[in-house]
Amino acid sequence: MLGLLQYLVLGLLVGGIYALAASGLTLVFGVMRIINIAHGAFLILGAFLAFTAWSKLGIDPMLAILLIAPISFALGWVIYKVAIAPVRTAPMASTVLLTFGLALVVEATMGVIWGNNATSMTPSYGSESFAAGSFYVPKAQVYGGLVAVAVLLVLGLILTRTWLGRAIRAAANNPTGAELVGIKVGSVSAVVFGLGMAAACTGGAIVGVLYSFVPGTHYMWIARLLAIVVLGGLGSLNGAILGAVLFGLAETLTSAYVSTAWATAFPYLIVFAVLLLRPQGLLGVRRREDASAL
């Protein structure tokens, strides 16, 4: 029983980290109807930025998020204005191809700057655990999970308690109506893309402490994050959080009680099963193309 509790806690912590990484992806889709294939590359970029802060400046990767978040937000805003805005209203296939190309550009840039060797961060607490008798929880997962939850809470407050959040939700639910009441949907979209990139990069800073990474690992991460947001319901932030928690629990419990060889595949089987019964995802809803579930 104690072992099961330990794995449940680990699964929830991992799920919280996945939720932070997936939140930006579903937020961008909810407002702009764009599936951002470059989101995984942004996550790995965040890991490399945290690695640089840790290895060159001696800043803990978790604390480096305080620097990475505003930098990545500004970079996301610029990327939106330069690359995304001109095709924002184009067919979805066009934006998927554009963001895929953007992912390749980011991957190549990371390879030039940091190389293509496996990289990892090992802060002092990386090999330590919190212990209570025979109950052990790695400190890195605990700190990462807590930071992820804190960032998600801040994002939630922005979306629900601020004028910007109301503008984002209005732009997501009815862009035409939002324009009629004076909300500049283009400007809101730029902010949302910046928030999405900031969420990806801050998630990447945490991921970089838990896993090794190279520029090319963004393919693995975009597959995982897309599965999470589809499971929860495209465009639904609450759905992304639920999907991430289920994904983290499925990976952890499968690894513990079945086989590590199945730990990667089994969560996707759950996604397939859910979509057979509920194609719109767990918290997604069937609605018009111009609507969202934010």
C-alpha atoms as a PDB file:
ATOM      1  CA  MET A   1       0.000   0.000   0.000  1.00  0.00           C
ATOM      2  CA  LEU A   2       2.840   2.364   0.837  1.00  0.00           C
ATOM      3  CA  GLY A   3       4.456   1.604  -2.511  1.00  0.00           C
ATOM      4  CA  LEU A   4       1.253   2.440  -4.369  1.00  0.00           C
ATOM      5  CA  LEU A   5       0.955   5.741  -2.505  1.00  0.00           C
ATOM      6  CA  GLN A   6       4.534   6.592  -3.411  1.00  0.00           C
ATOM      7  CA  TYR A   7       3.911   5.932  -7.108  1.00  0.00           C
ATOM      8  CA  LEU A   8       0.681   7.920  -7.025  1.00  0.00           C
ATOM      9  CA  VAL A   9       2.523  10.905  -5.581  1.00  0.00           C
ATOM     10  CA  LEU A  10       5.246  10.597  -8.216  1.00  0.00           C
ATOM     11  CA  GLY A  11       2.643  10.339 -10.962  1.00  0.00           C
ATOM     12  CA  LEU A  12       0.862  13.460  -9.736  1.00  0.00           C
ATOM     13  CA  LEU A  13       4.123  15.416  -9.574  1.00  0.00           C
ATOM     14  CA  VAL A  14       5.095  14.371 -13.100  1.00  0.00           C
ATOM     15  CA  GLY A  15       1.563  15.153 -14.260  1.00  0.00           C
ATOM     16  CA  GLY A  16       1.838  18.663 -12.849  1.00  0.00           C
ATOM     17  CA  ILE A  17       4.999  19.253 -14.858  1.00  0.00           C
ATOM     18  CA  TYR A  18       3.336  17.885 -17.995  1.00  0.00           C
ATOM     19  CA  ALA A  19       0.344  20.154 -17.320  1.00  0.00           C
ATOM     20  CA  LEU A  20       2.541  23.254 -17.282  1.00  0.00           C
ATOM     21  CA  ALA A  21       4.225  22.241 -20.527  1.00  0.00           C
ATOM     22  CA  ALA A  22       0.885  21.437 -22.203  1.00  0.00           C
ATOM     23  CA  SER A  23      -0.939  24.551 -20.989  1.00  0.00           C
ATOM     24  CA  GLY A  24       0.686  26.844 -23.529  1.00  0.00           C
ATOM     25  CA  LEU A  25      -0.111  24.485 -26.393  1.00  0.00           C
ATOM     26  CA  THR A  26      -3.816  24.308 -25.597  1.00  0.00           C
ATOM     27  CA  LEU A  27      -3.981  28.049 -24.837  1.00  0.00           C
ATOM     28  CA  VAL A  28      -2.613  28.942 -28.276  1.00  0.00           C
ATOM     29  CA  PHE A  29      -5.043  26.567 -29.961  1.00  0.00           C
ATOM     30  CA  GLY A  30      -7.968  27.889 -27.936  1.00  0.00           C
ATOM     31  CA  VAL A  31      -7.423  31.486 -29.031  1.00  0.00           C
ATOM     32  CA  MET A  32      -5.922  31.131 -32.504  1.00  0.00           C
ATOM     33  CA  ARG A  33      -7.003  27.656 -33.656  1.00  0.00           C
ATOM     34  CA  ILE A  34      -3.339  26.947 -34.377  1.00  0.00           C
ATOM     35  CA  ILE A  35      -1.695  23.630 -33.513  1.00  0.00           C
ATOM     36  CA  ASN A  36       1.795  24.816 -32.656  1.00  0.00           C
ATOM     37  CA  ILE A  37       4.143  22.000 -33.677  1.00  0.00           C
ATOM     38  CA  ALA A  38       7.081  24.139 -32.510  1.00  0.00           C
ATOM     39  CA  HIS A  39       5.895  23.924 -28.894  1.00  0.00           C
ATOM     40  CA  GLY A  40       8.113  20.920 -28.159  1.00  0.00           C
ATOM     41  CA  ALA A  41      11.124  22.757 -29.568  1.00  0.00           C
ATOM     42  CA  PHE A  42      10.322  25.707 -27.301  1.00  0.00           C
ATOM     43  CA  LEU A  43      10.292  23.325 -24.338  1.00  0.00           C
ATOM     44  CA  ILE A  44      13.759  22.011 -25.183  1.00  0.00           C
ATOM     45  CA  LEU A  45      14.945  25.595 -25.712  1.00  0.00           C
ATOM     46  CA  GLY A  46      13.836  26.314 -22.141  1.00  0.00           C
ATOM     47  CA  ALA A  47      15.866  23.333 -20.943  1.00  0.00           C
ATOM     48  CA  PHE A  48      18.976  24.652 -22.708  1.00  0.00           C
ATOM     49  CA  LEU A  49      18.461  28.161 -21.335  1.00  0.00           C
ATOM     50  CA  ALA A  50      18.200  26.727 -17.821  1.00  0.00           C
ATOM     51  CA  PHE A  51      21.316  24.636 -18.473  1.00  0.00           C
ATOM     52  CA  THR A  52      23.235  27.757 -19.487  1.00  0.00           C
ATOM     53  CA  ALA A  53      22.062  29.656 -16.397  1.00  0.00           C
ATOM     54  CA  TRP A  54      23.059  26.689 -14.198  1.00  0.00           C
ATOM     55  CA  SER A  55      26.417  25.845 -15.811  1.00  0.00           C
ATOM     56  CA  LYS A  56      27.646  29.368 -16.636  1.00  0.00           C
ATOM     57  CA  LEU A  57      26.050  31.562 -13.991  1.00  0.00           C
ATOM     58  CA  GLY A  58      25.532  29.078 -11.148  1.00  0.00           C
ATOM     59  CA  ILE A  59      21.780  29.766 -10.991  1.00  0.00           C
ATOM     60  CA  ASP A  60      19.582  26.877  -9.890  1.00  0.00           C
ATOM     61  CA  PRO A  61      17.414  25.702 -12.828  1.00  0.00           C
ATOM     62  CA  MET A  62      14.213  26.234 -10.832  1.00  0.00           C
ATOM     63  CA  LEU A  63      15.226  29.793  -9.950  1.00  0.00           C
ATOM     64  CA  ALA A  64      16.349  30.408 -13.525  1.00  0.00           C
ATOM     65  CA  ILE A  65      12.653  30.284 -14.455  1.00  0.00           C
ATOM     66  CA  LEU A  66      12.382  33.839 -13.109  1.00  0.00           C
ATOM     67  CA  LEU A  67      14.704  34.896 -15.948  1.00  0.00           C
ATOM     68  CA  ILE A  68      13.550  32.426 -18.570  1.00  0.00           C
ATOM     69  CA  ALA A  69       9.839  33.282 -18.338  1.00  0.00           C
ATOM     70  CA  PRO A  70      10.072  36.977 -19.342  1.00  0.00           C
ATOM     71  CA  ILE A  71      12.777  36.309 -21.945  1.00  0.00           C
ATOM     72  CA  SER A  72      10.760  33.543 -23.593  1.00  0.00           C
ATOM     73  CA  PHE A  73       7.569  35.616 -23.443  1.00  0.00           C
ATOM     74  CA  ALA A  74       9.285  38.446 -25.320  1.00  0.00           C
ATOM     75  CA  LEU A  75      10.772  36.005 -27.824  1.00  0.00           C
ATOM     76  CA  GLY A  76       7.360  34.411 -28.372  1.00  0.00           C
ATOM     77  CA  TRP A  77       5.796  37.830 -28.966  1.00  0.00           C
ATOM     78  CA  VAL A  78       8.431  38.593 -31.613  1.00  0.00           C
ATOM     79  CA  ILE A  79       8.030  35.184 -33.280  1.00  0.00           C
ATOM     80  CA  TYR A  80       4.285  35.717 -33.458  1.00  0.00           C
ATOM     81  CA  LYS A  81       4.620  39.156 -35.038  1.00  0.00           C
ATOM     82  CA  VAL A  82       7.222  38.019 -37.576  1.00  0.00           C
ATOM     83  CA  ALA A  83       6.094  34.507 -38.495  1.00  0.00           C
ATOM     84  CA  ILE A  84       2.629  33.676 -37.162  1.00  0.00           C
ATOM     85  CA  ALA A  85       0.582  36.848 -37.606  1.00  0.00           C
ATOM     86  CA  PRO A  86       0.764  36.864 -41.429  1.00  0.00           C
ATOM     87  CA  VAL A  87      -0.829  33.386 -41.606  1.00  0.00           C
ATOM     88  CA  ARG A  88      -3.029  33.459 -38.482  1.00  0.00           C
ATOM     89  CA  THR A  89      -6.234  33.284 -40.500  1.00  0.00           C
ATOM     90  CA  ALA A  90      -4.878  30.808 -43.069  1.00  0.00           C
ATOM     91  CA  PRO A  91      -6.154  27.207 -43.210  1.00  0.00           C
ATOM     92  CA  MET A  92      -4.954  25.025 -40.335  1.00  0.00           C
ATOM     93  CA  ALA A  93      -2.791  22.926 -42.665  1.00  0.00           C
ATOM     94  CA  SER A  94      -0.760  26.037 -43.517  1.00  0.00           C
ATOM     95  CA  THR A  95      -0.135  26.954 -39.895  1.00  0.00           C
ATOM     96  CA  VAL A  96       0.823  23.365 -39.042  1.00  0.00           C
ATOM     97  CA  LEU A  97       3.426  23.397 -41.823  1.00  0.00           C
ATOM     98  CA  LEU A  98       4.679  26.818 -40.724  1.00  0.00           C
ATOM     99  CA  THR A  99       5.107  25.807 -37.076  1.00  0.00           C
ATOM    100  CA  PHE A 100       6.743  22.534 -38.142  1.00  0.00           C
ATOM    101  CA  GLY A 101       9.261  24.561 -40.129  1.00  0.00           C
ATOM    102  CA  LEU A 102       9.723  26.827 -37.103  1.00  0.00           C
ATOM    103  CA  ALA A 103      10.450  23.751 -34.982  1.00  0.00           C
ATOM    104  CA  LEU A 104      13.177  22.708 -37.414  1.00  0.00           C
ATOM    105  CA  VAL A 105      14.704  26.199 -37.321  1.00  0.00           C
ATOM    106  CA  VAL A 106      14.716  26.213 -33.496  1.00  0.00           C
ATOM    107  CA  GLU A 107      16.219  22.698 -33.453  1.00  0.00           C
ATOM    108  CA  ALA A 108      19.000  23.709 -35.845  1.00  0.00           C
ATOM    109  CA  THR A 109      19.718  26.875 -33.864  1.00  0.00           C
ATOM    110  CA  MET A 110      19.997  24.903 -30.623  1.00  0.00           C
ATOM    111  CA  GLY A 111      22.343  22.449 -32.346  1.00  0.00           C
ATOM    112  CA  VAL A 112      24.607  25.279 -33.485  1.00  0.00           C
ATOM    113  CA  ILE A 113      24.688  26.961 -30.067  1.00  0.00           C
ATOM    114  CA  TRP A 114      24.757  23.982 -27.694  1.00  0.00           C
ATOM    115  CA  GLY A 115      25.685  21.043 -29.918  1.00  0.00           C
ATOM    116  CA  ASN A 116      23.910  17.722 -30.341  1.00  0.00           C
ATOM    117  CA  ASN A 117      25.354  15.795 -27.416  1.00  0.00           C
ATOM    118  CA  ALA A 118      23.106  14.558 -24.608  1.00  0.00           C
ATOM    119  CA  THR A 119      22.802  17.267 -21.957  1.00  0.00           C
ATOM    120  CA  SER A 120      21.572  17.073 -18.386  1.00  0.00           C
ATOM    121  CA  MET A 121      21.498  19.178 -15.231  1.00  0.00           C
ATOM    122  CA  THR A 122      22.421  17.759 -11.850  1.00  0.00           C
ATOM    123  CA  PRO A 123      21.804  20.353  -9.118  1.00  0.00           C
ATOM    124  CA  SER A 124      22.740  19.441  -5.553  1.00  0.00           C
ATOM    125  CA  TYR A 125      19.300  18.015  -4.782  1.00  0.00           C
ATOM    126  CA  GLY A 126      19.179  15.992  -8.005  1.00  0.00           C
ATOM    127  CA  SER A 127      20.121  12.745  -6.261  1.00  0.00           C
ATOM    128  CA  GLU A 128      18.394  13.445  -2.932  1.00  0.00           C
ATOM    129  CA  SER A 129      14.966  12.360  -1.680  1.00  0.00           C
ATOM    130  CA  PHE A 130      12.494  13.234   1.010  1.00  0.00           C
ATOM    131  CA  ALA A 131      12.142  10.168   3.212  1.00  0.00           C
ATOM    132  CA  ALA A 132       9.591   9.053   5.803  1.00  0.00           C
ATOM    133  CA  GLY A 133      10.366   5.494   6.803  1.00  0.00           C
ATOM    134  CA  SER A 134      10.265   3.460   3.600  1.00  0.00           C
ATOM    135  CA  PHE A 135       8.458   6.254   1.730  1.00  0.00           C
ATOM    136  CA  TYR A 136      10.781   8.108  -0.673  1.00  0.00           C
ATOM    137  CA  VAL A 137      10.039  10.963  -3.059  1.00  0.00           C
ATOM    138  CA  PRO A 138      12.887  12.513  -5.110  1.00  0.00           C
ATOM    139  CA  LYS A 139      13.436  16.166  -4.288  1.00  0.00           C
ATOM    140  CA  ALA A 140      13.790  17.138  -7.947  1.00  0.00           C
ATOM    141  CA  GLN A 141      10.287  15.849  -8.728  1.00  0.00           C
ATOM    142  CA  VAL A 142       8.852  17.565  -5.655  1.00  0.00           C
ATOM    143  CA  TYR A 143      10.451  20.921  -6.420  1.00  0.00           C
ATOM    144  CA  GLY A 144       9.580  20.652 -10.100  1.00  0.00           C
ATOM    145  CA  GLY A 145       5.971  19.727  -9.368  1.00  0.00           C
ATOM    146  CA  LEU A 146       5.553  22.561  -6.867  1.00  0.00           C
ATOM    147  CA  VAL A 147       7.051  25.121  -9.259  1.00  0.00           C
ATOM    148  CA  ALA A 148       4.805  23.851 -12.061  1.00  0.00           C
ATOM    149  CA  VAL A 149       1.698  24.167  -9.880  1.00  0.00           C
ATOM    150  CA  ALA A 150       2.734  27.675  -8.810  1.00  0.00           C
ATOM    151  CA  VAL A 151       3.175  28.797 -12.428  1.00  0.00           C
ATOM    152  CA  LEU A 152      -0.157  27.221 -13.404  1.00  0.00           C
ATOM    153  CA  LEU A 153      -1.859  29.083 -10.551  1.00  0.00           C
ATOM    154  CA  VAL A 154      -0.385  32.373 -11.772  1.00  0.00           C
ATOM    155  CA  LEU A 155      -1.555  31.590 -15.307  1.00  0.00           C
ATOM    156  CA  GLY A 156      -5.002  30.724 -13.969  1.00  0.00           C
ATOM    157  CA  LEU A 157      -5.197  34.007 -12.068  1.00  0.00           C
ATOM    158  CA  ILE A 158      -4.225  35.904 -15.204  1.00  0.00           C
ATOM    159  CA  LEU A 159      -6.971  34.193 -17.200  1.00  0.00           C
ATOM    160  CA  THR A 160      -9.713  34.574 -14.588  1.00  0.00           C
ATOM    161  CA  ARG A 161      -8.903  37.691 -12.552  1.00  0.00           C
ATOM    162  CA  THR A 162      -7.483  40.246 -14.970  1.00  0.00           C
ATOM    163  CA  TRP A 163      -8.721  42.342 -17.866  1.00  0.00           C
ATOM    164  CA  LEU A 164      -6.178  40.569 -20.071  1.00  0.00           C
ATOM    165  CA  GLY A 165      -7.673  37.231 -19.087  1.00  0.00           C
ATOM    166  CA  ARG A 166     -11.174  38.433 -19.959  1.00  0.00           C
ATOM    167  CA  ALA A 167      -9.897  39.681 -23.307  1.00  0.00           C
ATOM    168  CA  ILE A 168      -8.235  36.321 -23.985  1.00  0.00           C
ATOM    169  CA  ARG A 169     -11.411  34.411 -23.167  1.00  0.00           C
ATOM    170  CA  ALA A 170     -13.502  36.775 -25.280  1.00  0.00           C
ATOM    171  CA  ALA A 171     -11.122  36.400 -28.233  1.00  0.00           C
ATOM    172  CA  ALA A 172     -11.257  32.621 -27.842  1.00  0.00           C
ATOM    173  CA  ASN A 173     -15.041  32.334 -27.588  1.00  0.00           C
ATOM    174  CA  ASN A 174     -16.089  34.935 -30.166  1.00  0.00           C
ATOM    175  CA  PRO A 175     -13.336  36.805 -32.048  1.00  0.00           C
ATOM    176  CA  THR A 176     -15.789  38.876 -34.080  1.00  0.00           C
ATOM    177  CA  GLY A 177     -17.737  39.932 -31.009  1.00  0.00           C
ATOM    178  CA  ALA A 178     -14.494  40.746 -29.202  1.00  0.00           C
ATOM    179  CA  GLU A 179     -13.451  43.053 -32.042  1.00  0.00           C
ATOM    180  CA  LEU A 180     -16.830  44.798 -31.886  1.00  0.00           C
ATOM    181  CA  VAL A 181     -16.333  45.715 -28.231  1.00  0.00           C
ATOM    182  CA  GLY A 182     -12.855  47.105 -28.849  1.00  0.00           C
ATOM    183  CA  ILE A 183     -10.598  44.108 -28.144  1.00  0.00           C
ATOM    184  CA  LYS A 184      -7.747  43.856 -30.620  1.00  0.00           C
ATOM    185  CA  VAL A 185      -7.690  40.128 -31.285  1.00  0.00           C
ATOM    186  CA  GLY A 186      -4.353  40.359 -33.101  1.00  0.00           C
ATOM    187  CA  SER A 187      -2.686  41.943 -30.078  1.00  0.00           C
ATOM    188  CA  VAL A 188      -4.313  39.429 -27.746  1.00  0.00           C
ATOM    189  CA  SER A 189      -3.051  36.605 -29.954  1.00  0.00           C
ATOM    190  CA  ALA A 190       0.502  37.961 -29.720  1.00  0.00           C
ATOM    191  CA  VAL A 191       0.276  37.985 -25.923  1.00  0.00           C
ATOM    192  CA  VAL A 192      -1.185  34.477 -25.887  1.00  0.00           C
ATOM    193  CA  PHE A 193       1.589  33.143 -28.107  1.00  0.00           C
ATOM    194  CA  GLY A 194       4.123  34.760 -25.777  1.00  0.00           C
ATOM    195  CA  LEU A 195       2.421  33.164 -22.757  1.00  0.00           C
ATOM    196  CA  GLY A 196       2.407  29.824 -24.554  1.00  0.00           C
ATOM    197  CA  MET A 197       6.111  30.003 -25.258  1.00  0.00           C
ATOM    198  CA  ALA A 198       6.828  31.128 -21.688  1.00  0.00           C
ATOM    199  CA  ALA A 199       4.868  28.133 -20.356  1.00  0.00           C
ATOM    200  CA  ALA A 200       6.785  25.791 -22.677  1.00  0.00           C
ATOM    201  CA  CYS A 201      10.186  27.187 -21.707  1.00  0.00           C
ATOM    202  CA  THR A 202       9.481  27.192 -17.975  1.00  0.00           C
ATOM    203  CA  GLY A 203       8.273  23.612 -18.286  1.00  0.00           C
ATOM    204  CA  GLY A 204      11.457  22.840 -20.195  1.00  0.00           C
ATOM    205  CA  ALA A 205      13.598  24.223 -17.373  1.00  0.00           C
ATOM    206  CA  ILE A 206      11.988  21.704 -15.013  1.00  0.00           C
ATOM    207  CA  VAL A 207      12.101  18.865 -17.534  1.00  0.00           C
ATOM    208  CA  GLY A 208      15.819  19.479 -18.025  1.00  0.00           C
ATOM    209  CA  VAL A 209      16.452  18.608 -14.380  1.00  0.00           C
ATOM    210  CA  LEU A 210      14.537  15.324 -14.633  1.00  0.00           C
ATOM    211  CA  TYR A 211      15.576  14.077 -18.083  1.00  0.00           C
ATOM    212  CA  SER A 212      18.558  14.337 -20.406  1.00  0.00           C
ATOM    213  CA  PHE A 213      17.889  16.172 -23.655  1.00  0.00           C
ATOM    214  CA  VAL A 214      19.273  17.009 -27.089  1.00  0.00           C
ATOM    215  CA  PRO A 215      17.776  19.374 -29.684  1.00  0.00           C
ATOM    216  CA  GLY A 216      16.065  16.488 -31.475  1.00  0.00           C
ATOM    217  CA  THR A 217      14.109  15.330 -28.421  1.00  0.00           C
ATOM    218  CA  HIS A 218      11.479  17.952 -29.173  1.00  0.00           C
ATOM    219  CA  TYR A 219       9.809  15.369 -31.457  1.00  0.00           C
ATOM    220  CA  MET A 220       9.180  13.097 -28.478  1.00  0.00           C
ATOM    221  CA  TRP A 221       7.837  15.967 -26.386  1.00  0.00           C
ATOM    222  CA  ILE A 222       5.471  17.405 -28.986  1.00  0.00           C
ATOM    223  CA  ALA A 223       3.997  13.917 -29.452  1.00  0.00           C
ATOM    224  CA  ARG A 224       3.445  13.592 -25.696  1.00  0.00           C
ATOM    225  CA  LEU A 225       2.004  17.097 -25.296  1.00  0.00           C
ATOM    226  CA  LEU A 226      -0.325  16.753 -28.272  1.00  0.00           C
ATOM    227  CA  ALA A 227      -1.613  13.474 -26.832  1.00  0.00           C
ATOM    228  CA  ILE A 228      -2.243  15.217 -23.499  1.00  0.00           C
ATOM    229  CA  VAL A 229      -4.194  18.158 -24.933  1.00  0.00           C
ATOM    230  CA  VAL A 230      -6.197  15.885 -27.247  1.00  0.00           C
ATOM    231  CA  LEU A 231      -7.012  13.627 -24.292  1.00  0.00           C
ATOM    232  CA  GLY A 232      -8.191  16.582 -22.222  1.00  0.00           C
ATOM    233  CA  GLY A 233      -9.904  18.391 -25.101  1.00  0.00           C
ATOM    234  CA  LEU A 234      -8.215  20.771 -27.537  1.00  0.00           C
ATOM    235  CA  GLY A 235      -8.525  24.351 -26.346  1.00  0.00           C
ATOM    236  CA  SER A 236      -9.454  23.474 -22.752  1.00  0.00           C
ATOM    237  CA  LEU A 237      -6.909  24.501 -20.120  1.00  0.00           C
ATOM    238  CA  ASN A 238      -8.636  22.438 -17.436  1.00  0.00           C
ATOM    239  CA  GLY A 239      -8.704  19.542 -19.880  1.00  0.00           C
ATOM    240  CA  ALA A 240      -4.962  19.852 -20.466  1.00  0.00           C
ATOM    241  CA  ILE A 241      -4.345  19.712 -16.712  1.00  0.00           C
ATOM    242  CA  LEU A 242      -6.577  16.646 -16.316  1.00  0.00           C
ATOM    243  CA  GLY A 243      -5.027  14.935 -19.329  1.00  0.00           C
ATOM    244  CA  ALA A 244      -1.518  15.651 -18.036  1.00  0.00           C
ATOM    245  CA  VAL A 245      -2.265  14.212 -14.596  1.00  0.00           C
ATOM    246  CA  LEU A 246      -3.760  11.059 -16.129  1.00  0.00           C
ATOM    247  CA  PHE A 247      -0.778  10.773 -18.467  1.00  0.00           C
ATOM    248  CA  GLY A 248       1.720  11.137 -15.624  1.00  0.00           C
ATOM    249  CA  LEU A 249      -0.105   8.582 -13.467  1.00  0.00           C
ATOM    250  CA  ALA A 250      -0.368   6.122 -16.355  1.00  0.00           C
ATOM    251  CA  GLU A 251       3.349   6.375 -17.127  1.00  0.00           C
ATOM    252  CA  THR A 252       4.422   6.009 -13.503  1.00  0.00           C
ATOM    253  CA  LEU A 253       2.101   3.148 -12.584  1.00  0.00           C
ATOM    254  CA  THR A 254       2.817   1.247 -15.786  1.00  0.00           C
ATOM    255  CA  SER A 255       6.547   1.551 -15.202  1.00  0.00           C
ATOM    256  CA  ALA A 256       6.149   0.347 -11.605  1.00  0.00           C
ATOM    257  CA  TYR A 257       3.671  -2.492 -12.010  1.00  0.00           C
ATOM    258  CA  VAL A 258       3.887  -3.621 -15.637  1.00  0.00           C
ATOM    259  CA  SER A 259       7.151  -2.812 -17.402  1.00  0.00           C
ATOM    260  CA  THR A 260       9.261   0.200 -18.240  1.00  0.00           C
ATOM    261  CA  ALA A 261       9.040  -0.968 -21.854  1.00  0.00           C
ATOM    262  CA  TRP A 262       5.279  -0.242 -21.753  1.00  0.00           C
ATOM    263  CA  ALA A 263       5.539   3.014 -19.792  1.00  0.00           C
ATOM    264  CA  THR A 264       5.687   5.114 -22.955  1.00  0.00           C
ATOM    265  CA  ALA A 265       3.082   3.222 -24.972  1.00  0.00           C
ATOM    266  CA  PHE A 266       0.341   2.590 -22.409  1.00  0.00           C
ATOM    267  CA  PRO A 267      -0.735   6.251 -21.929  1.00  0.00           C
ATOM    268  CA  TYR A 268      -1.293   6.513 -25.679  1.00  0.00           C
ATOM    269  CA  LEU A 269      -3.520   3.441 -25.540  1.00  0.00           C
ATOM    270  CA  ILE A 270      -5.606   5.302 -22.969  1.00  0.00           C
ATOM    271  CA  VAL A 271      -5.824   8.279 -25.330  1.00  0.00           C
ATOM    272  CA  PHE A 272      -7.011   6.034 -28.165  1.00  0.00           C
ATOM    273  CA  ALA A 273      -9.621   4.393 -25.927  1.00  0.00           C
ATOM    274  CA  VAL A 274     -10.983   7.736 -24.690  1.00  0.00           C
ATOM    275  CA  LEU A 275     -11.196   9.180 -28.192  1.00  0.00           C
ATOM    276  CA  LEU A 276     -13.139   6.167 -29.420  1.00  0.00           C
ATOM    277  CA  LEU A 277     -15.799   6.944 -26.818  1.00  0.00           C
ATOM    278  CA  ARG A 278     -15.473  10.723 -26.700  1.00  0.00           C
ATOM    279  CA  PRO A 279     -13.765  12.182 -29.807  1.00  0.00           C
ATOM    280  CA  GLN A 280     -13.722  15.705 -28.381  1.00  0.00           C
ATOM    281  CA  GLY A 281     -11.638  14.632 -25.343  1.00  0.00           C
ATOM    282  CA  LEU A 282     -12.516  14.428 -21.677  1.00  0.00           C
ATOM    283  CA  LEU A 283     -13.420  18.097 -21.148  1.00  0.00           C
ATOM    284  CA  GLY A 284     -13.734  19.162 -24.758  1.00  0.00           C
ATOM    285  CA  VAL A 285     -17.123  19.951 -26.266  1.00  0.00           C
ATOM    286  CA  ARG A 286     -18.536  19.631 -29.753  1.00  0.00           C
ATOM    287  CA  ARG A 287     -18.903  23.127 -31.095  1.00  0.00           C
ATOM    288  CA  ARG A 288     -18.470  25.324 -34.121  1.00  0.00           C
ATOM    289  CA  GLU A 289     -15.060  25.877 -35.653  1.00  0.00           C
ATOM    290  CA  ASP A 290     -15.021  29.475 -34.375  1.00  0.00           C
ATOM    291  CA  ALA A 291     -15.538  28.436 -30.748  1.00  0.00           C
ATOM    292  CA  SER A 292     -13.237  27.351 -27.959  1.00  0.00           C
ATOM    293  CA  ALA A 293     -13.320  25.485 -24.665  1.00  0.00           C
ATOM    294  CA  LEU A 294     -11.132  27.860 -22.650  1.00  0.00           C
END
